[in-house]
């Protein structure tokens, strides 16, 4: 899985360079799913409960949602679309793999820890967005998708997305609560 994830990222950037010039405004790995993919690779090398929790919530909450309502506006060929889907699928796969095979669990307070880190990370990303005229993490304008989970105008949709994220985190935490209860019996 590690080789596949790193390989698909290398091929993705190579593919981007074949169809256009790399730019700071489009190609920095600053979306939550890019960070989640790096965390997923890290987790397979060096397990960490804290990093797992973040990857679990960002990965399952974000990658799954991204696959359902993808933003494919910057893709110029089928290889890019394939790599986009492979990237997000691998995040989900690693989260499930670690839960099922390695018995990783999100601990109590994981949602709060992830939510706090999320709200810390968006500020430096927003600064990069502002400096290079980018839209990483969709902090400057809404994603160009028809997702029912993103509604409202800037900047209000960011608050709406935070509330939706909290609800998604609570929902995807249910299996972890069930597993923790089963294991404590």
C-alpha atoms as a PDB file:
ATOM      1  CA  UNK A   1       0.000   0.000   0.000  1.00  0.00           C
ATOM      2  CA  UNK A   2       2.856   2.382   0.825  1.00  0.00           C
ATOM      3  CA  UNK A   3       4.490   1.852  -2.568  1.00  0.00           C
ATOM      4  CA  UNK A   4       1.154   2.300  -4.333  1.00  0.00           C
ATOM      5  CA  UNK A   5       0.306   5.533  -2.470  1.00  0.00           C
ATOM      6  CA  UNK A   6       3.719   7.101  -3.014  1.00  0.00           C
ATOM      7  CA  UNK A   7       3.818   5.849  -6.596  1.00  0.00           C
ATOM      8  CA  UNK A   8       0.433   7.261  -7.471  1.00  0.00           C
ATOM      9  CA  UNK A   9       1.458  10.655  -6.080  1.00  0.00           C
ATOM     10  CA  UNK A  10       4.670  10.646  -8.135  1.00  0.00           C
ATOM     11  CA  UNK A  11       2.736   9.636 -11.261  1.00  0.00           C
ATOM     12  CA  UNK A  12       0.078  12.250 -10.496  1.00  0.00           C
ATOM     13  CA  UNK A  13       2.622  15.075 -10.404  1.00  0.00           C
ATOM     14  CA  UNK A  14       4.381  13.681 -13.495  1.00  0.00           C
ATOM     15  CA  UNK A  15       1.005  13.596 -15.266  1.00  0.00           C
ATOM     16  CA  UNK A  16       0.261  17.175 -14.252  1.00  0.00           C
ATOM     17  CA  UNK A  17       3.607  18.260 -15.716  1.00  0.00           C
ATOM     18  CA  UNK A  18       2.737  16.537 -19.001  1.00  0.00           C
ATOM     19  CA  UNK A  19      -0.443  18.556 -19.496  1.00  0.00           C
ATOM     20  CA  UNK A  20       0.456  21.882 -17.885  1.00  0.00           C
ATOM     21  CA  UNK A  21       3.024  23.726 -15.829  1.00  0.00           C
ATOM     22  CA  UNK A  22       2.941  23.078 -12.082  1.00  0.00           C
ATOM     23  CA  UNK A  23       1.822  26.136 -10.111  1.00  0.00           C
ATOM     24  CA  UNK A  24       1.701  27.141  -6.480  1.00  0.00           C
ATOM     25  CA  UNK A  25      -1.987  27.942  -6.799  1.00  0.00           C
ATOM     26  CA  UNK A  26      -2.971  24.435  -7.990  1.00  0.00           C
ATOM     27  CA  UNK A  27      -0.343  21.895  -7.025  1.00  0.00           C
ATOM     28  CA  UNK A  28       0.660  22.246  -3.388  1.00  0.00           C
ATOM     29  CA  UNK A  29      -0.521  19.271  -1.304  1.00  0.00           C
ATOM     30  CA  UNK A  30      -2.628  21.416   1.027  1.00  0.00           C
ATOM     31  CA  UNK A  31      -6.085  19.881   0.794  1.00  0.00           C
ATOM     32  CA  UNK A  32      -7.198  17.740   3.728  1.00  0.00           C
ATOM     33  CA  UNK A  33      -7.076  14.640   1.527  1.00  0.00           C
ATOM     34  CA  UNK A  34      -3.449  15.254   0.556  1.00  0.00           C
ATOM     35  CA  UNK A  35      -2.488  15.645   4.186  1.00  0.00           C
ATOM     36  CA  UNK A  36      -4.550  12.535   4.991  1.00  0.00           C
ATOM     37  CA  UNK A  37      -2.702  10.540   2.338  1.00  0.00           C
ATOM     38  CA  UNK A  38       0.662  11.567   3.837  1.00  0.00           C
ATOM     39  CA  UNK A  39      -0.662  10.611   7.270  1.00  0.00           C
ATOM     40  CA  UNK A  40      -1.851   7.243   5.873  1.00  0.00           C
ATOM     41  CA  UNK A  41       1.631   6.487   4.548  1.00  0.00           C
ATOM     42  CA  UNK A  42       3.129   7.547   7.880  1.00  0.00           C
ATOM     43  CA  UNK A  43       0.695   5.312   9.781  1.00  0.00           C
ATOM     44  CA  UNK A  44       1.701   2.257   7.794  1.00  0.00           C
ATOM     45  CA  UNK A  45       5.350   2.965   8.620  1.00  0.00           C
ATOM     46  CA  UNK A  46       5.001   4.175  12.203  1.00  0.00           C
ATOM     47  CA  UNK A  47       1.622   3.659  13.892  1.00  0.00           C
ATOM     48  CA  UNK A  48       0.222   6.554  15.913  1.00  0.00           C
ATOM     49  CA  UNK A  49      -3.149   6.648  17.644  1.00  0.00           C
ATOM     50  CA  UNK A  50      -3.404  10.421  17.327  1.00  0.00           C
ATOM     51  CA  UNK A  51      -2.504  10.496  13.609  1.00  0.00           C
ATOM     52  CA  UNK A  52      -4.896   7.587  13.014  1.00  0.00           C
ATOM     53  CA  UNK A  53      -7.791   9.488  14.550  1.00  0.00           C
ATOM     54  CA  UNK A  54      -7.146  12.528  12.367  1.00  0.00           C
ATOM     55  CA  UNK A  55      -6.759  10.378   9.264  1.00  0.00           C
ATOM     56  CA  UNK A  56      -9.894   8.427  10.143  1.00  0.00           C
ATOM     57  CA  UNK A  57     -12.087  11.515  10.417  1.00  0.00           C
ATOM     58  CA  UNK A  58     -10.510  13.527   7.608  1.00  0.00           C
ATOM     59  CA  UNK A  59     -10.133  10.434   5.458  1.00  0.00           C
ATOM     60  CA  UNK A  60     -13.499   8.801   5.846  1.00  0.00           C
ATOM     61  CA  UNK A  61     -15.334  12.110   6.182  1.00  0.00           C
ATOM     62  CA  UNK A  62     -13.478  13.910   3.417  1.00  0.00           C
ATOM     63  CA  UNK A  63     -12.228  11.319   0.946  1.00  0.00           C
ATOM     64  CA  UNK A  64     -15.547   9.499   0.770  1.00  0.00           C
ATOM     65  CA  UNK A  65     -17.409  12.766   0.281  1.00  0.00           C
ATOM     66  CA  UNK A  66     -14.891  13.854  -2.358  1.00  0.00           C
ATOM     67  CA  UNK A  67     -15.422  10.644  -4.296  1.00  0.00           C
ATOM     68  CA  UNK A  68     -19.206  11.167  -4.204  1.00  0.00           C
ATOM     69  CA  UNK A  69     -19.020  14.798  -5.384  1.00  0.00           C
ATOM     70  CA  UNK A  70     -15.582  15.263  -6.978  1.00  0.00           C
ATOM     71  CA  UNK A  71     -14.103  18.557  -8.114  1.00  0.00           C
ATOM     72  CA  UNK A  72     -12.613  17.512 -11.458  1.00  0.00           C
ATOM     73  CA  UNK A  73     -12.214  21.017 -12.902  1.00  0.00           C
ATOM     74  CA  UNK A  74      -8.405  20.838 -13.074  1.00  0.00           C
ATOM     75  CA  UNK A  75      -8.131  17.392 -14.658  1.00  0.00           C
ATOM     76  CA  UNK A  76      -7.057  17.160 -18.260  1.00  0.00           C
ATOM     77  CA  UNK A  77      -7.008  13.403 -18.909  1.00  0.00           C
ATOM     78  CA  UNK A  78      -8.253  10.032 -17.729  1.00  0.00           C
ATOM     79  CA  UNK A  79      -5.019   9.229 -15.909  1.00  0.00           C
ATOM     80  CA  UNK A  80      -5.562  12.274 -13.691  1.00  0.00           C
ATOM     81  CA  UNK A  81      -9.122  11.169 -12.908  1.00  0.00           C
ATOM     82  CA  UNK A  82      -7.941   7.621 -12.137  1.00  0.00           C
ATOM     83  CA  UNK A  83      -5.183   8.896  -9.836  1.00  0.00           C
ATOM     84  CA  UNK A  84      -7.610  11.259  -8.113  1.00  0.00           C
ATOM     85  CA  UNK A  85      -9.913   8.352  -7.296  1.00  0.00           C
ATOM     86  CA  UNK A  86      -7.030   6.035  -6.357  1.00  0.00           C
ATOM     87  CA  UNK A  87      -5.677   8.710  -3.991  1.00  0.00           C
ATOM     88  CA  UNK A  88      -8.977   9.040  -2.139  1.00  0.00           C
ATOM     89  CA  UNK A  89      -9.739   5.311  -2.169  1.00  0.00           C
ATOM     90  CA  UNK A  90      -6.350   4.541  -0.600  1.00  0.00           C
ATOM     91  CA  UNK A  91      -7.054   6.894   2.305  1.00  0.00           C
ATOM     92  CA  UNK A  92     -10.318   5.078   2.986  1.00  0.00           C
ATOM     93  CA  UNK A  93      -8.656   1.676   2.572  1.00  0.00           C
ATOM     94  CA  UNK A  94      -5.864   2.497   5.044  1.00  0.00           C
ATOM     95  CA  UNK A  95      -8.386   3.739   7.627  1.00  0.00           C
ATOM     96  CA  UNK A  96     -10.430   0.549   7.312  1.00  0.00           C
ATOM     97  CA  UNK A  97      -7.313  -1.659   7.162  1.00  0.00           C
ATOM     98  CA  UNK A  98      -5.929  -0.197  10.378  1.00  0.00           C
ATOM     99  CA  UNK A  99      -9.292  -0.563  12.143  1.00  0.00           C
ATOM    100  CA  UNK A 100      -9.951  -4.146  11.004  1.00  0.00           C
ATOM    101  CA  UNK A 101      -6.481  -5.706  10.681  1.00  0.00           C
ATOM    102  CA  UNK A 102      -4.465  -3.720  13.249  1.00  0.00           C
ATOM    103  CA  UNK A 103      -7.449  -3.035  15.556  1.00  0.00           C
ATOM    104  CA  UNK A 104      -6.915   0.721  15.713  1.00  0.00           C
ATOM    105  CA  UNK A 105      -9.699   2.592  17.467  1.00  0.00           C
ATOM    106  CA  UNK A 106     -10.549   6.250  17.808  1.00  0.00           C
ATOM    107  CA  UNK A 107     -10.420   7.099  21.482  1.00  0.00           C
ATOM    108  CA  UNK A 108     -12.831   9.227  23.439  1.00  0.00           C
ATOM    109  CA  UNK A 109     -12.227  12.878  22.604  1.00  0.00           C
ATOM    110  CA  UNK A 110     -10.942  12.066  19.101  1.00  0.00           C
ATOM    111  CA  UNK A 111     -13.618  14.182  17.432  1.00  0.00           C
ATOM    112  CA  UNK A 112     -12.712  17.201  19.550  1.00  0.00           C
ATOM    113  CA  UNK A 113      -8.970  16.723  18.946  1.00  0.00           C
ATOM    114  CA  UNK A 114      -9.537  16.412  15.188  1.00  0.00           C
ATOM    115  CA  UNK A 115     -11.868  19.393  15.123  1.00  0.00           C
ATOM    116  CA  UNK A 116      -9.371  21.567  17.006  1.00  0.00           C
ATOM    117  CA  UNK A 117      -6.494  20.535  14.718  1.00  0.00           C
ATOM    118  CA  UNK A 118      -8.672  21.188  11.678  1.00  0.00           C
ATOM    119  CA  UNK A 119      -9.372  24.713  12.844  1.00  0.00           C
ATOM    120  CA  UNK A 120      -5.696  25.325  13.558  1.00  0.00           C
ATOM    121  CA  UNK A 121      -4.530  24.027  10.171  1.00  0.00           C
ATOM    122  CA  UNK A 122      -6.933  26.116   8.120  1.00  0.00           C
ATOM    123  CA  UNK A 123      -5.236  29.378   9.131  1.00  0.00           C
ATOM    124  CA  UNK A 124      -1.792  28.773   7.594  1.00  0.00           C
ATOM    125  CA  UNK A 125      -3.502  27.212   4.561  1.00  0.00           C
ATOM    126  CA  UNK A 126      -5.716  30.296   4.258  1.00  0.00           C
ATOM    127  CA  UNK A 127      -2.562  32.436   4.348  1.00  0.00           C
ATOM    128  CA  UNK A 128      -1.036  30.377   1.515  1.00  0.00           C
ATOM    129  CA  UNK A 129      -4.324  30.692  -0.397  1.00  0.00           C
ATOM    130  CA  UNK A 130      -4.222  34.441   0.012  1.00  0.00           C
ATOM    131  CA  UNK A 131      -0.534  34.757  -0.896  1.00  0.00           C
ATOM    132  CA  UNK A 132      -0.602  32.606  -4.050  1.00  0.00           C
ATOM    133  CA  UNK A 133      -4.214  33.223  -5.128  1.00  0.00           C
ATOM    134  CA  UNK A 134      -5.230  29.620  -4.470  1.00  0.00           C
ATOM    135  CA  UNK A 135      -8.238  27.837  -3.021  1.00  0.00           C
ATOM    136  CA  UNK A 136      -6.786  24.999  -0.963  1.00  0.00           C
ATOM    137  CA  UNK A 137      -9.299  23.496   1.444  1.00  0.00           C
ATOM    138  CA  UNK A 138     -11.834  25.690  -0.399  1.00  0.00           C
ATOM    139  CA  UNK A 139     -11.257  28.512   2.052  1.00  0.00           C
ATOM    140  CA  UNK A 140     -11.478  31.298  -0.541  1.00  0.00           C
ATOM    141  CA  UNK A 141     -14.501  30.102  -2.514  1.00  0.00           C
ATOM    142  CA  UNK A 142     -16.887  27.174  -2.605  1.00  0.00           C
ATOM    143  CA  UNK A 143     -15.859  24.013  -4.403  1.00  0.00           C
ATOM    144  CA  UNK A 144     -17.393  23.834  -7.880  1.00  0.00           C
ATOM    145  CA  UNK A 145     -19.433  20.721  -7.071  1.00  0.00           C
ATOM    146  CA  UNK A 146     -23.088  20.065  -6.514  1.00  0.00           C
ATOM    147  CA  UNK A 147     -22.640  18.628  -3.055  1.00  0.00           C
ATOM    148  CA  UNK A 148     -25.690  19.124  -0.825  1.00  0.00           C
ATOM    149  CA  UNK A 149     -23.256  19.279   2.095  1.00  0.00           C
ATOM    150  CA  UNK A 150     -21.749  22.593   0.961  1.00  0.00           C
ATOM    151  CA  UNK A 151     -24.213  25.454   0.998  1.00  0.00           C
ATOM    152  CA  UNK A 152     -24.218  29.205   1.500  1.00  0.00           C
ATOM    153  CA  UNK A 153     -21.944  31.927   0.200  1.00  0.00           C
ATOM    154  CA  UNK A 154     -18.410  32.861   1.281  1.00  0.00           C
ATOM    155  CA  UNK A 155     -17.499  33.000   4.127  1.00  0.00           C
ATOM    156  CA  UNK A 156     -20.685  31.534   5.616  1.00  0.00           C
ATOM    157  CA  UNK A 157     -20.375  28.217   3.784  1.00  0.00           C
ATOM    158  CA  UNK A 158     -17.189  27.571   5.792  1.00  0.00           C
ATOM    159  CA  UNK A 159     -19.219  27.632   9.015  1.00  0.00           C
ATOM    160  CA  UNK A 160     -21.828  25.383   7.376  1.00  0.00           C
ATOM    161  CA  UNK A 161     -19.094  22.968   6.269  1.00  0.00           C
ATOM    162  CA  UNK A 162     -17.748  22.895   9.830  1.00  0.00           C
ATOM    163  CA  UNK A 163     -21.199  21.969  11.159  1.00  0.00           C
ATOM    164  CA  UNK A 164     -21.626  19.306   8.468  1.00  0.00           C
ATOM    165  CA  UNK A 165     -18.129  17.993   9.280  1.00  0.00           C
ATOM    166  CA  UNK A 166     -19.041  17.728  12.949  1.00  0.00           C
ATOM    167  CA  UNK A 167     -22.169  15.750  12.045  1.00  0.00           C
ATOM    168  CA  UNK A 168     -20.154  13.492   9.715  1.00  0.00           C
ATOM    169  CA  UNK A 169     -17.523  12.974  12.412  1.00  0.00           C
ATOM    170  CA  UNK A 170     -20.261  11.951  14.864  1.00  0.00           C
ATOM    171  CA  UNK A 171     -21.736   9.576  12.299  1.00  0.00           C
ATOM    172  CA  UNK A 172     -18.472   7.882  11.323  1.00  0.00           C
ATOM    173  CA  UNK A 173     -17.510   7.639  14.993  1.00  0.00           C
ATOM    174  CA  UNK A 174     -20.434   5.267  15.642  1.00  0.00           C
ATOM    175  CA  UNK A 175     -18.519   2.148  14.504  1.00  0.00           C
ATOM    176  CA  UNK A 176     -15.647   3.146  16.793  1.00  0.00           C
ATOM    177  CA  UNK A 177     -17.978   3.562  19.778  1.00  0.00           C
ATOM    178  CA  UNK A 178     -19.517   0.152  19.058  1.00  0.00           C
ATOM    179  CA  UNK A 179     -16.106  -1.509  18.715  1.00  0.00           C
ATOM    180  CA  UNK A 180     -14.808   0.107  21.912  1.00  0.00           C
ATOM    181  CA  UNK A 181     -17.897  -1.071  23.821  1.00  0.00           C
ATOM    182  CA  UNK A 182     -17.621  -4.605  22.434  1.00  0.00           C
ATOM    183  CA  UNK A 183     -13.964  -4.792  23.386  1.00  0.00           C
ATOM    184  CA  UNK A 184     -14.553  -3.530  26.919  1.00  0.00           C
ATOM    185  CA  UNK A 185     -16.989  -6.334  27.721  1.00  0.00           C
END
